[in-house]
Protein backbone atom coordinates (compact mmCIF):
# COMPACT_ATOMS: atom_id res chain seq x y z
CA UNK A 1 32.20 11.45 55.40
CA UNK A 2 33.14 10.03 58.84
CA UNK A 3 29.46 9.20 59.43
CA UNK A 4 29.22 7.34 56.09
CA UNK A 5 32.45 5.59 56.83
CA UNK A 6 31.26 4.41 60.29
CA UNK A 7 27.89 3.25 58.75
CA UNK A 8 29.75 1.19 56.03
CA UNK A 9 32.03 -0.22 58.71
CA UNK A 10 29.05 -1.22 60.86
CA UNK A 11 27.29 -2.85 57.79
CA UNK A 12 30.52 -4.69 57.00
CA UNK A 13 30.75 -6.01 60.60
CA UNK A 14 27.06 -6.97 60.62
CA UNK A 15 27.53 -8.95 57.35
CA UNK A 16 30.63 -10.55 58.57
CA UNK A 17 28.87 -11.62 61.85
CA UNK A 18 25.98 -12.98 59.84
CA UNK A 19 28.20 -14.78 57.43
CA UNK A 20 30.22 -16.30 60.33
CA UNK A 21 26.99 -17.37 62.07
CA UNK A 22 25.54 -18.83 58.92
CA UNK A 23 28.83 -20.77 58.22
CA UNK A 24 28.84 -22.15 61.77
CA UNK A 25 25.22 -23.23 61.56
CA UNK A 26 26.00 -25.01 58.27
CA UNK A 27 28.88 -26.73 59.87
CA UNK A 28 26.74 -27.84 62.85
CA UNK A 29 24.12 -29.12 60.43
CA UNK A 30 26.66 -31.02 58.39
CA UNK A 31 28.14 -32.57 61.53
CA UNK A 32 24.79 -34.02 62.44
CA UNK A 33 24.89 -36.06 59.22
CA UNK A 34 28.69 -36.96 59.32
CA UNK A 35 29.63 -40.61 59.65
CA UNK A 36 31.51 -41.35 62.96
CA UNK A 37 35.20 -42.20 62.83
CA UNK A 38 36.95 -44.52 65.18
CA UNK A 39 37.07 -41.97 68.06
CA UNK A 40 34.85 -39.21 67.27
CA UNK A 41 31.08 -38.77 66.65
CA UNK A 42 30.51 -35.38 65.07
CA UNK A 43 27.49 -33.67 66.55
CA UNK A 44 27.82 -35.09 70.08
CA UNK A 45 28.42 -31.71 71.71
CA UNK A 46 25.30 -30.30 70.00
CA UNK A 47 23.21 -32.90 71.69
CA UNK A 48 24.88 -32.32 75.02
CA UNK A 49 24.50 -28.58 74.79
CA UNK A 50 20.76 -28.93 73.80
CA UNK A 51 20.27 -31.10 76.98
CA UNK A 52 21.93 -28.47 79.18
CA UNK A 53 19.85 -25.60 77.94
CA UNK A 54 16.60 -27.59 78.32
CA UNK A 55 17.42 -28.63 81.92
CA UNK A 56 18.59 -25.03 83.01
CA UNK A 57 15.28 -23.63 81.68
CA UNK A 58 13.19 -26.38 83.38
CA UNK A 59 15.11 -25.88 86.65
CA UNK A 60 14.38 -22.22 86.88
CA UNK A 61 10.61 -22.99 86.79
CA UNK A 62 10.86 -26.16 89.02
CA UNK A 63 12.95 -24.35 91.68
CA UNK A 64 10.86 -21.17 91.71
CA UNK A 65 7.73 -23.42 92.32
CA UNK A 66 9.43 -25.58 94.95
CA UNK A 67 8.59 -28.72 92.97
CA UNK A 68 12.31 -29.68 92.82
CA UNK A 69 11.95 -30.49 96.50
CA UNK A 70 8.68 -32.35 96.25
CA UNK A 71 10.22 -35.83 96.63
CA UNK A 72 11.49 -36.53 100.16
CA UNK A 73 14.16 -38.83 98.61
CA UNK A 74 15.57 -35.76 96.70
CA UNK A 75 16.13 -33.96 99.98
CA UNK A 76 17.61 -37.03 101.57
CA UNK A 77 20.27 -37.21 98.80
CA UNK A 78 21.06 -33.52 99.46
CA UNK A 79 21.15 -34.05 103.23
CA UNK A 80 23.40 -37.16 102.99
CA UNK A 81 25.90 -35.47 100.67
CA UNK A 82 25.98 -32.38 103.00
CA UNK A 83 26.44 -34.28 106.29
CA UNK A 84 29.69 -35.77 105.01
CA UNK A 85 31.35 -32.45 105.77
CA UNK A 86 28.62 -30.63 107.81
CA UNK A 87 27.62 -32.72 110.88
CA UNK A 88 28.29 -33.29 114.41
CA UNK A 89 29.89 -36.59 113.28
CA UNK A 90 31.25 -35.74 109.82
CA UNK A 91 33.06 -38.30 107.50
CA UNK A 92 32.32 -40.80 104.77
CA UNK A 93 30.54 -43.12 107.07
CA UNK A 94 27.72 -40.59 106.70
CA UNK A 95 27.00 -42.10 103.32
CA UNK A 96 24.85 -44.79 105.05
CA UNK A 97 23.30 -47.60 103.26
CA UNK A 98 19.76 -46.36 102.24
CA UNK A 99 21.11 -45.53 98.80
CA UNK A 100 24.22 -46.38 96.79
CA UNK A 101 27.07 -43.82 97.35
CA UNK A 102 28.02 -42.24 93.93
CA UNK A 103 24.99 -39.81 93.52
CA UNK A 104 25.83 -38.29 97.02
CA UNK A 105 29.57 -38.22 96.18
CA UNK A 106 28.87 -36.37 92.97
CA UNK A 107 26.72 -33.91 94.87
CA UNK A 108 29.23 -33.36 97.57
CA UNK A 109 31.06 -30.28 96.01
CA UNK A 110 27.86 -28.54 95.18
CA UNK A 111 26.12 -28.88 98.45
CA UNK A 112 29.07 -27.05 100.19
CA UNK A 113 27.20 -23.78 99.15
CA UNK A 114 24.39 -23.15 101.66
CA UNK A 115 22.36 -21.53 98.89
CA UNK A 116 22.88 -24.31 96.40
CA UNK A 117 21.97 -26.87 99.06
CA UNK A 118 19.01 -25.05 100.45
CA UNK A 119 17.35 -24.18 97.17
CA UNK A 120 18.09 -27.43 95.58
CA UNK A 121 20.14 -26.03 92.77
CA UNK A 122 22.91 -28.45 93.64
CA UNK A 123 20.51 -31.20 92.57
CA UNK A 124 19.67 -29.33 89.38
CA UNK A 125 23.36 -29.10 88.66
CA UNK A 126 23.61 -32.82 88.92
CA UNK A 127 20.59 -33.21 86.71
CA UNK A 128 22.05 -30.82 84.12
CA UNK A 129 25.22 -32.90 83.99
CA UNK A 130 23.17 -36.03 83.47
CA UNK A 131 21.07 -34.45 80.86
CA UNK A 132 24.11 -33.50 78.90
CA UNK A 133 25.39 -37.11 79.00
CA UNK A 134 22.11 -38.84 78.14
CA UNK A 135 21.36 -37.18 74.82
CA UNK A 136 25.03 -37.14 73.95
CA UNK A 137 25.23 -40.92 74.53
CA UNK A 138 22.00 -41.69 72.78
CA UNK A 139 23.15 -39.64 69.81
CA UNK A 140 26.45 -41.55 69.70
CA UNK A 141 24.66 -44.92 69.88
CA UNK A 142 22.31 -43.96 67.10
CA UNK A 143 25.19 -42.64 64.90
CA UNK A 144 27.23 -45.81 65.34
CA UNK A 145 24.15 -47.91 64.50
CA UNK A 146 24.25 -46.21 61.13
CA UNK A 147 21.19 -44.09 61.63
CA UNK A 148 21.16 -40.90 59.64
CA UNK A 149 20.74 -37.29 60.65
CA UNK A 150 16.97 -37.19 60.83
CA UNK A 151 16.85 -40.30 63.08
CA UNK A 152 19.56 -39.01 65.43
CA UNK A 153 17.84 -35.61 65.76
CA UNK A 154 14.50 -37.34 66.51
CA UNK A 155 16.15 -39.53 69.19
CA UNK A 156 17.48 -36.43 70.97
CA UNK A 157 14.22 -34.51 70.58
CA UNK A 158 12.27 -37.51 72.00
CA UNK A 159 14.47 -37.35 75.08
CA UNK A 160 14.39 -33.52 75.52
CA UNK A 161 10.56 -33.35 75.26
CA UNK A 162 9.95 -36.06 77.83
CA UNK A 163 8.45 -34.21 80.72
CA UNK A 164 9.08 -36.92 83.34
CA UNK A 165 12.84 -37.14 82.57
CA UNK A 166 13.23 -33.37 82.29
CA UNK A 167 11.36 -32.71 85.61
CA UNK A 168 13.32 -35.31 87.51
CA UNK A 169 16.50 -33.78 86.21
CA UNK A 170 15.66 -30.63 88.03
CA UNK A 171 15.69 -32.54 91.37
CA UNK A 172 18.37 -34.43 93.29
CA UNK A 173 16.92 -37.78 92.31
CA UNK A 174 19.26 -40.57 91.03
CA UNK A 175 17.65 -42.00 87.91
CA UNK A 176 19.16 -39.48 85.55
CA UNK A 177 22.64 -40.08 86.84
CA UNK A 178 22.08 -43.83 86.38
CA UNK A 179 20.92 -43.28 82.76
CA UNK A 180 23.89 -41.12 81.95
CA UNK A 181 26.29 -43.81 82.98
CA UNK A 182 24.25 -46.65 81.43
CA UNK A 183 24.05 -44.81 78.13
CA UNK A 184 27.80 -43.96 78.26
CA UNK A 185 28.62 -47.72 78.95
CA UNK A 186 26.46 -48.89 76.06
CA UNK A 187 27.93 -46.21 73.83
CA UNK A 188 31.44 -47.41 74.64
CA UNK A 189 30.44 -50.99 74.12
CA UNK A 190 28.80 -50.12 70.79
CA UNK A 191 31.92 -48.35 69.63
CA UNK A 192 34.10 -51.31 70.66
CA UNK A 193 31.75 -53.78 68.96
CA UNK A 194 31.07 -51.97 65.64
CA UNK A 195 34.54 -50.29 65.09
CA UNK A 196 36.33 -51.15 61.82
CA UNK A 197 39.56 -51.17 63.76
CA UNK A 198 40.26 -54.03 66.20
CA UNK A 199 40.07 -52.37 69.60
CA UNK A 200 41.80 -53.80 72.61
CA UNK A 201 40.32 -55.15 75.73
CA UNK A 202 41.89 -52.30 77.65
CA UNK A 203 39.85 -49.80 75.61
CA UNK A 204 36.70 -51.79 76.43
CA UNK A 205 37.61 -51.56 80.14
CA UNK A 206 37.92 -47.85 79.94
CA UNK A 207 35.10 -46.75 77.67
CA UNK A 208 32.44 -49.32 78.65
CA UNK A 209 33.60 -50.96 81.94
CA UNK A 210 34.27 -47.73 83.88
CA UNK A 211 30.79 -46.12 83.25
CA UNK A 212 29.28 -49.44 83.98
CA UNK A 213 30.99 -49.38 87.36
CA UNK A 214 29.65 -45.82 87.89
CA UNK A 215 26.23 -47.10 87.06
CA UNK A 216 26.59 -49.90 89.59
CA UNK A 217 27.42 -47.40 92.37
CA UNK A 218 24.37 -45.21 91.36
CA UNK A 219 21.43 -47.54 91.52
CA UNK A 220 20.93 -51.24 91.88
CA UNK A 221 19.47 -51.38 88.29
CA UNK A 222 23.15 -50.74 87.38
CA UNK A 223 24.15 -54.15 88.81
CA UNK A 224 21.65 -55.87 86.60
CA UNK A 225 22.93 -53.83 83.65
CA UNK A 226 26.55 -54.76 84.42
CA UNK A 227 25.76 -58.45 84.54
CA UNK A 228 23.88 -58.34 81.32
CA UNK A 229 26.67 -56.19 79.72
CA UNK A 230 29.18 -58.85 80.87
CA UNK A 231 27.22 -61.52 78.95
CA UNK A 232 26.82 -59.33 75.87
CA UNK A 233 30.62 -58.47 75.91
CA UNK A 234 31.36 -62.09 76.02
CA UNK A 235 28.96 -62.96 73.11
CA UNK A 236 30.57 -60.21 71.00
CA UNK A 237 34.10 -61.49 71.85
CA UNK A 238 33.13 -64.93 70.83
CA UNK A 239 31.61 -63.67 67.57
CA UNK A 240 34.60 -61.66 66.68
CA UNK A 241 37.15 -64.43 67.08
CA UNK A 242 35.16 -67.68 67.59
CA UNK A 243 36.95 -68.79 70.68
CA UNK A 244 35.77 -69.25 74.29
CA UNK A 245 39.00 -68.01 75.47
CA UNK A 246 38.44 -64.69 73.75
CA UNK A 247 34.90 -64.45 75.03
CA UNK A 248 36.01 -64.91 78.56
CA UNK A 249 38.85 -62.43 78.20
CA UNK A 250 36.51 -59.75 76.74
CA UNK A 251 33.81 -60.45 79.34
CA UNK A 252 36.38 -60.12 82.09
CA UNK A 253 37.69 -56.87 80.70
CA UNK A 254 34.14 -55.42 80.74
CA UNK A 255 33.38 -56.76 84.24
CA UNK A 256 36.60 -55.95 86.20
CA UNK A 257 35.77 -52.36 87.06
CA UNK A 258 32.07 -53.01 88.08
CA UNK A 259 33.22 -55.95 90.18
CA UNK A 260 35.76 -53.81 91.92
CA UNK A 261 33.22 -51.04 92.58
CA UNK A 262 30.70 -53.50 94.09
CA UNK A 263 33.31 -55.24 96.09
CA UNK A 264 34.44 -51.86 97.49
CA UNK A 265 30.98 -50.93 98.51
CA UNK A 266 30.42 -54.29 100.27
CA UNK A 267 33.74 -53.86 101.99
CA UNK A 268 32.65 -50.32 103.11
CA UNK A 269 29.33 -51.66 104.58
CA UNK A 270 31.15 -54.48 106.28
CA UNK A 271 33.72 -52.16 107.80
CA UNK A 272 31.16 -49.61 109.07
CA UNK A 273 28.24 -51.92 109.97
CA UNK A 274 29.75 -55.31 110.38
CA UNK A 275 27.48 -56.61 107.59
CA UNK A 276 28.53 -56.65 103.94
CA UNK A 277 24.80 -56.84 102.97
CA UNK A 278 23.61 -54.13 105.19
CA UNK A 279 22.17 -52.36 102.11
CA UNK A 280 20.24 -55.45 101.32
CA UNK A 281 18.85 -56.56 104.75
CA UNK A 282 19.78 -53.72 107.20
CA UNK A 283 17.36 -51.41 109.05
CA UNK A 284 17.15 -48.85 106.36
CA UNK A 285 17.31 -51.20 103.33
CA UNK A 286 14.80 -51.23 100.59
CA UNK A 287 13.86 -54.75 101.86
CA UNK A 288 12.63 -53.44 105.14
CA UNK A 289 10.74 -50.66 103.40
CA UNK A 290 8.95 -53.17 101.12
CA UNK A 291 7.79 -55.17 104.25
CA UNK A 292 5.76 -52.24 105.54
CA UNK A 293 4.38 -51.36 102.10
CA UNK A 294 3.42 -54.89 101.40
CA UNK A 295 1.61 -55.25 104.75
CA UNK A 296 -0.30 -52.04 103.81
CA UNK A 297 -1.43 -53.58 100.70
CA UNK A 298 0.59 -51.60 98.12
CA UNK A 299 2.13 -54.60 96.40
CA UNK A 300 -0.92 -56.69 95.33
CA UNK A 301 0.93 -57.59 92.17
CA UNK A 302 3.59 -59.50 94.01
CA UNK A 303 3.59 -63.07 92.69
CA UNK A 304 1.08 -62.29 89.95
CA UNK A 305 2.71 -61.90 86.57
CA UNK A 306 -0.45 -60.55 84.78
CA UNK A 307 -1.00 -57.76 87.41
CA UNK A 308 2.70 -56.96 87.60
CA UNK A 309 2.78 -56.40 83.78
CA UNK A 310 -0.49 -54.44 84.00
CA UNK A 311 0.88 -52.08 86.74
CA UNK A 312 4.29 -51.67 85.05
CA UNK A 313 2.77 -51.00 81.66
CA UNK A 314 0.47 -48.23 82.95
CA UNK A 315 3.47 -46.61 84.79
CA UNK A 316 5.54 -46.89 81.48
CA UNK A 317 2.92 -45.29 79.39
CA UNK A 318 2.26 -42.41 81.91
CA UNK A 319 6.05 -41.77 82.40
CA UNK A 320 7.44 -42.14 78.91
CA UNK A 321 4.42 -41.01 77.03
CA UNK A 322 2.28 -42.94 74.66
CA UNK A 323 4.13 -41.78 71.49
CA UNK A 324 7.49 -43.05 72.91
CA UNK A 325 5.94 -46.46 73.81
CA UNK A 326 4.47 -46.79 70.34
CA UNK A 327 7.83 -45.88 68.67
CA UNK A 328 9.64 -48.21 71.06
CA UNK A 329 7.41 -51.06 69.88
CA UNK A 330 7.68 -50.17 66.21
CA UNK A 331 11.39 -49.75 66.49
CA UNK A 332 11.76 -53.17 68.18
CA UNK A 333 10.04 -54.80 65.35
CA UNK A 334 12.13 -52.91 62.77
CA UNK A 335 15.39 -53.76 64.65
CA UNK A 336 14.48 -57.55 64.90
CA UNK A 337 13.45 -57.51 61.14
CA UNK A 338 16.62 -55.82 59.95
CA UNK A 339 19.31 -56.93 62.47
CA UNK A 340 17.84 -60.20 64.02
CA UNK A 341 20.02 -60.87 67.08
CA UNK A 342 23.20 -59.36 65.60
CA UNK A 343 25.39 -57.28 67.66
CA UNK A 344 23.60 -54.07 66.93
CA UNK A 345 20.36 -55.42 68.39
CA UNK A 346 22.20 -56.63 71.48
CA UNK A 347 23.47 -53.09 72.17
CA UNK A 348 19.92 -51.69 72.11
CA UNK A 349 18.51 -54.64 74.15
CA UNK A 350 21.19 -53.88 76.87
CA UNK A 351 19.52 -50.47 77.42
CA UNK A 352 16.34 -52.16 78.43
CA UNK A 353 17.79 -54.24 81.16
CA UNK A 354 17.03 -51.77 83.95
CA UNK A 355 13.35 -51.82 82.97
CA UNK A 356 13.35 -55.62 82.89
CA UNK A 357 15.00 -55.58 86.39
CA UNK A 358 12.30 -53.36 87.78
CA UNK A 359 9.58 -55.60 86.35
CA UNK A 360 11.19 -58.71 87.81
CA UNK A 361 11.69 -56.87 91.19
CA UNK A 362 8.11 -56.02 91.30
CA UNK A 363 6.97 -59.59 90.68
CA UNK A 364 9.20 -61.01 93.52
CA UNK A 365 8.21 -58.24 95.88
CA UNK A 366 11.38 -56.25 96.02
CA UNK A 367 10.13 -53.10 94.40
CA UNK A 368 6.95 -50.96 95.14
CA UNK A 369 5.46 -49.20 92.17
CA UNK A 370 1.98 -47.78 91.68
CA UNK A 371 -0.18 -45.64 89.46
CA UNK A 372 -3.76 -44.56 89.41
CA UNK A 373 -4.51 -47.81 87.62
CA UNK A 374 -2.82 -50.04 90.29
CA UNK A 375 -4.73 -52.27 92.69
CA UNK A 376 -5.17 -50.26 94.98
CA UNK A 377 -4.72 -46.90 93.00
CA UNK A 378 -1.71 -44.97 94.22
CA UNK A 379 1.20 -42.96 92.93
CA UNK A 380 4.44 -44.27 94.22
CA UNK A 381 7.88 -44.79 92.51
CA UNK A 382 6.49 -44.38 89.09
CA UNK A 383 9.85 -42.62 88.17
CA UNK A 384 11.49 -46.12 88.06
CA UNK A 385 10.10 -46.54 84.49
CA UNK A 386 12.12 -43.56 83.27
CA UNK A 387 14.92 -45.99 82.60
CA UNK A 388 13.15 -47.05 79.38
CA UNK A 389 13.26 -43.50 77.92
CA UNK A 390 16.74 -43.58 76.26
CA UNK A 391 16.21 -47.06 74.88
CA UNK A 392 12.77 -46.16 73.30
CA UNK A 393 14.40 -42.96 71.86
CA UNK A 394 16.98 -45.09 70.07
CA UNK A 395 14.29 -47.49 69.00
CA UNK A 396 12.22 -44.54 67.65
CA UNK A 397 15.30 -43.39 65.55
CA UNK A 398 15.65 -47.12 64.26
CA UNK A 399 12.05 -47.10 63.23
CA UNK A 400 12.36 -43.73 61.34
CA UNK A 401 15.55 -44.93 59.67
CA UNK A 402 13.97 -48.19 58.54
CA UNK A 403 11.26 -46.15 56.77
CA UNK A 404 13.60 -44.03 54.84
CA UNK A 405 12.72 -45.42 51.33
CA UNK A 406 10.60 -44.90 49.37
CA UNK A 407 10.41 -41.13 49.68
CA UNK A 408 6.64 -40.93 50.23
CA UNK A 409 6.98 -43.34 53.24
CA UNK A 410 9.80 -41.28 54.75
CA UNK A 411 7.70 -38.08 54.48
CA UNK A 412 4.67 -39.77 56.05
CA UNK A 413 6.67 -41.27 58.99
CA UNK A 414 8.83 -38.25 59.83
CA UNK A 415 5.84 -35.89 59.57
CA UNK A 416 3.86 -38.19 61.78
CA UNK A 417 6.57 -38.46 64.46
CA UNK A 418 7.07 -34.65 64.42
CA UNK A 419 3.19 -34.12 64.84
CA UNK A 420 3.20 -36.82 67.60
CA UNK A 421 5.99 -35.05 69.42
CA UNK A 422 4.09 -31.76 69.26
CA UNK A 423 0.79 -33.34 70.37
CA UNK A 424 2.48 -35.17 73.22
CA UNK A 425 4.19 -31.97 74.37
CA UNK A 426 0.98 -29.93 74.25
CA UNK A 427 -0.79 -32.71 76.28
CA UNK A 428 1.87 -32.69 78.98
CA UNK A 429 2.08 -28.85 79.10
CA UNK A 430 -1.80 -28.49 79.32
CA UNK A 431 -1.47 -30.12 82.69
CA UNK A 432 1.90 -31.21 84.06
CA UNK A 433 0.25 -33.78 86.12
CA UNK A 434 -0.34 -35.84 82.93
CA UNK A 435 3.20 -37.03 83.57
CA UNK A 436 2.91 -39.55 86.39
CA UNK A 437 6.29 -38.57 87.81
CA UNK A 438 5.26 -34.87 88.11
CA UNK A 439 1.90 -36.06 89.40
CA UNK A 440 3.67 -37.96 92.13
CA UNK A 441 5.71 -35.06 93.09
CA UNK A 442 2.53 -32.79 93.12
CA UNK A 443 0.75 -35.41 95.24
CA UNK A 444 3.58 -35.32 97.71
CA UNK A 445 3.26 -31.61 97.93
CA UNK A 446 -0.52 -31.83 98.57
CA UNK A 447 0.08 -34.44 101.26
CA UNK A 448 2.60 -32.10 102.98
CA UNK A 449 0.14 -29.25 103.01
CA UNK A 450 -2.50 -31.46 104.62
CA UNK A 451 -0.19 -33.15 107.20
CA UNK A 452 1.47 -29.84 108.31
CA UNK A 453 5.02 -30.60 107.25
CA UNK A 454 5.40 -27.52 105.13
CA UNK A 455 4.09 -25.24 107.88
CA UNK A 456 6.32 -27.01 110.30
CA UNK A 457 9.38 -26.55 108.09
CA UNK A 458 8.64 -22.89 107.47
CA UNK A 459 8.07 -22.27 111.21
CA UNK A 460 11.45 -23.67 112.24
CA UNK A 461 13.33 -21.96 109.47
CA UNK A 462 11.75 -18.55 110.28
CA UNK A 463 11.87 -18.75 114.13
CA UNK A 464 15.18 -20.52 114.58
CA UNK A 465 17.60 -18.23 116.53
CA UNK A 466 20.40 -20.44 117.49
CA UNK A 467 20.83 -23.66 119.51
CA UNK A 468 20.91 -27.31 118.65
CA UNK A 469 17.91 -29.36 117.44
CA UNK A 470 16.86 -32.86 118.19
CA UNK A 471 15.14 -34.68 115.28
CA UNK A 472 14.87 -38.21 113.77
CA UNK A 473 15.48 -37.46 110.15
CA UNK A 474 14.78 -41.03 109.27
CA UNK A 475 11.13 -41.02 110.31
CA UNK A 476 8.34 -41.04 107.54
CA UNK A 477 7.88 -37.25 106.81
CA UNK A 478 10.97 -35.76 108.40
CA UNK A 479 13.38 -35.70 105.49
CA UNK A 480 13.24 -31.97 105.00
CA UNK A 481 16.47 -30.73 106.49
CA UNK A 482 17.81 -29.04 103.20
CA UNK A 483 14.41 -27.15 102.97
CA UNK A 484 14.87 -25.84 106.49
CA UNK A 485 18.24 -24.66 105.68
CA UNK A 486 19.84 -24.75 109.05
CA UNK A 487 23.48 -26.17 109.02
CA UNK A 488 23.48 -29.94 109.85
CA UNK A 489 26.03 -29.44 112.61
CA UNK A 490 23.16 -27.95 114.65
CA UNK A 491 21.34 -31.26 114.59
CA UNK A 492 21.34 -34.23 116.92
CA UNK A 493 19.81 -37.03 114.70
CA UNK A 494 20.30 -40.66 113.90
CA UNK A 495 23.21 -40.03 111.59
CA UNK A 496 25.23 -38.69 114.65
CA UNK A 497 25.05 -42.12 116.34
CA UNK A 498 25.77 -42.11 120.02
CA UNK A 499 25.28 -38.36 120.11
CA UNK A 500 21.62 -38.84 119.23
CA UNK A 501 21.17 -41.53 121.80
CA UNK A 502 22.62 -39.19 124.47
CA UNK A 503 20.50 -36.22 123.45
CA UNK A 504 17.40 -38.48 123.51
CA UNK A 505 18.13 -39.52 127.07
CA UNK A 506 18.81 -36.11 128.36
CA UNK A 507 17.53 -33.48 125.83
CA UNK A 508 17.76 -30.44 128.03
CA UNK A 509 21.48 -31.01 128.36
CA UNK A 510 22.09 -31.00 124.70
CA UNK A 511 19.46 -29.28 122.58
CA UNK A 512 17.39 -26.14 122.57
CA UNK A 513 14.76 -27.27 120.02
CA UNK A 514 12.88 -30.61 119.59
CA UNK A 515 11.19 -31.55 116.28
CA UNK A 516 8.98 -34.53 116.37
CA UNK A 517 6.32 -36.30 114.35
CA UNK A 518 3.27 -37.89 115.92
CA UNK A 519 1.89 -40.93 113.96
CA UNK A 520 -1.43 -40.27 112.25
CA UNK A 521 -3.83 -41.61 109.64
CA UNK A 522 -2.29 -39.61 106.84
CA UNK A 523 0.96 -41.63 106.99
CA UNK A 524 -0.99 -44.75 107.77
CA UNK A 525 1.87 -46.12 109.89
CA UNK A 526 4.30 -46.43 106.85
CA UNK A 527 7.91 -45.68 107.04
CA UNK A 528 10.09 -45.40 110.20
CA UNK A 529 8.47 -44.41 113.46
CA UNK A 530 9.85 -41.17 114.94
CA UNK A 531 12.21 -42.21 117.69
CA UNK A 532 12.07 -38.72 119.22
CA UNK A 533 8.31 -39.03 119.71
CA UNK A 534 8.38 -42.62 120.96
CA UNK A 535 11.33 -41.80 123.29
CA UNK A 536 10.33 -38.59 124.93
CA UNK A 537 7.12 -37.31 123.34
CA UNK A 538 5.00 -38.07 126.41
CA UNK A 539 7.64 -37.96 129.10
CA UNK A 540 6.58 -35.57 132.02
CA UNK A 541 10.24 -34.50 132.54
CA UNK A 542 10.62 -33.46 129.02
CA UNK A 543 7.22 -31.65 128.90
CA UNK A 544 8.18 -29.78 132.08
CA UNK A 545 11.33 -28.37 130.46
CA UNK A 546 10.15 -27.62 127.05
CA UNK A 547 7.31 -25.48 125.75
CA UNK A 548 5.21 -26.34 122.65
CA UNK A 549 5.95 -23.57 120.14
CA UNK A 550 4.25 -25.20 117.01
CA UNK A 551 1.59 -27.87 116.40
CA UNK A 552 -0.05 -28.77 113.03
CA UNK A 553 -1.19 -32.22 111.85
CA UNK A 554 1.38 -34.62 113.33
CA UNK A 555 4.15 -32.18 113.81
CA UNK A 556 5.33 -30.75 117.05
CA UNK A 557 8.07 -28.20 117.66
CA UNK A 558 9.28 -27.62 121.23
CA UNK A 559 11.64 -25.02 122.58
CA UNK A 560 13.50 -25.10 125.95
CA UNK A 561 11.73 -23.04 128.52
CA UNK A 562 13.57 -19.90 129.52
CA UNK A 563 15.56 -19.51 126.39
């Protein structure tokens, strides 16, 4: 009898569990179709959780293969965040000016763990947070635009099957963080614009202005987005009340936090470097990098609108995927046909501002971007076009929603989109290099195998047994300190300021190891020349006190003799 009772009890619990699971799944499914209210958009957390799961799975594969560290910039972000607390000269001045500060500040708590920093999992955590925010924000925008459940789901699926965006979210690169804040800002502005209740300027400041400020401190595309957002907010304010005074009030409410953020950053650069525009024209600014790349012939499109559009379009297609480009175009036509230049269209258009900014920057020679269809062919910075992915996802949802009636058209369109997503995913998975972003990372890895940097990094990591290290981490090809894994307080490098200068003048007094990079044809003279090599590489006094322990390609590792 006891056995029978236990079996019945087990069956009852199983039925209860199944019933509870079924009820919960039905609730989730119903929430995805629910109309958003003033504050809540049912289904938002489902989209966020889906993004989290996808990035965690992708990160496991990316980190195991080492591809999460394929971009030198990703390792630089990890290094900058870590050296704020782990350095011979710690402090917030270590933020530097090569990149805007927020990505490094967000990484700061995660890089305190040696393991998270060395493996790159700290960057994957940042990517996971971003990929919770991006699909959640896109879902909220689609819902507030009146798009139904199928369209909302398709928007999220388009995001979460985009190999370029998912791969970059496993690294410490900054584009996903920018997109999270950009989408959050547009979602907040969309809510304020389309709410049935009259919302205050203060609510606009918090829900749209604050994330716009965060975007402005993440990447310079955020500056363009904030300026465009200010104009859009002013237009909406004027349309709501028909007065210039209200338009100015609303625009100012949106712009106040971004302006404060940018002003703070310029004050920081002035206080540290004596130049408020150090990030724009300083030694390590993007402008200085473009000069070398332009001289090397990588910016043939500069000043040529046709070639600029050609190069950008190929990068867009290879990064976002052909399906998403087609849906973006079709959705644009559908949006223009149904909404014209009404407020809803302005919200979606605002999401495309970063892409327009990149296109303009290419034309004027402030941005380098190349694909295998560039002149000359090269893979460089193709990831910049990822900024179009959230906008195209929303436009794809708009297109599906516009084809909802009659029923036969709905069936054809939804089935076609689903088949297209499957085909695009299979195409990418058949060879990950079909994504130009992954292909660029893979090309970096191949280059590192050829030029000896991987072997150099491995040698130093495995043979290091204490003592300080002299290295110019800003030199082209030297940005691999996280991969080496030695605490940054052991390094005399450029970020340590006068200490680096002193160690360069008298290395035997300060350091046991010297890591240098000899210029060669692989790098073609691009980037910053290694100050360690130019300073002491051929000095007889240095060569008399240090023994060459490693040599491969352009890399040399020396160790002080007798230790």
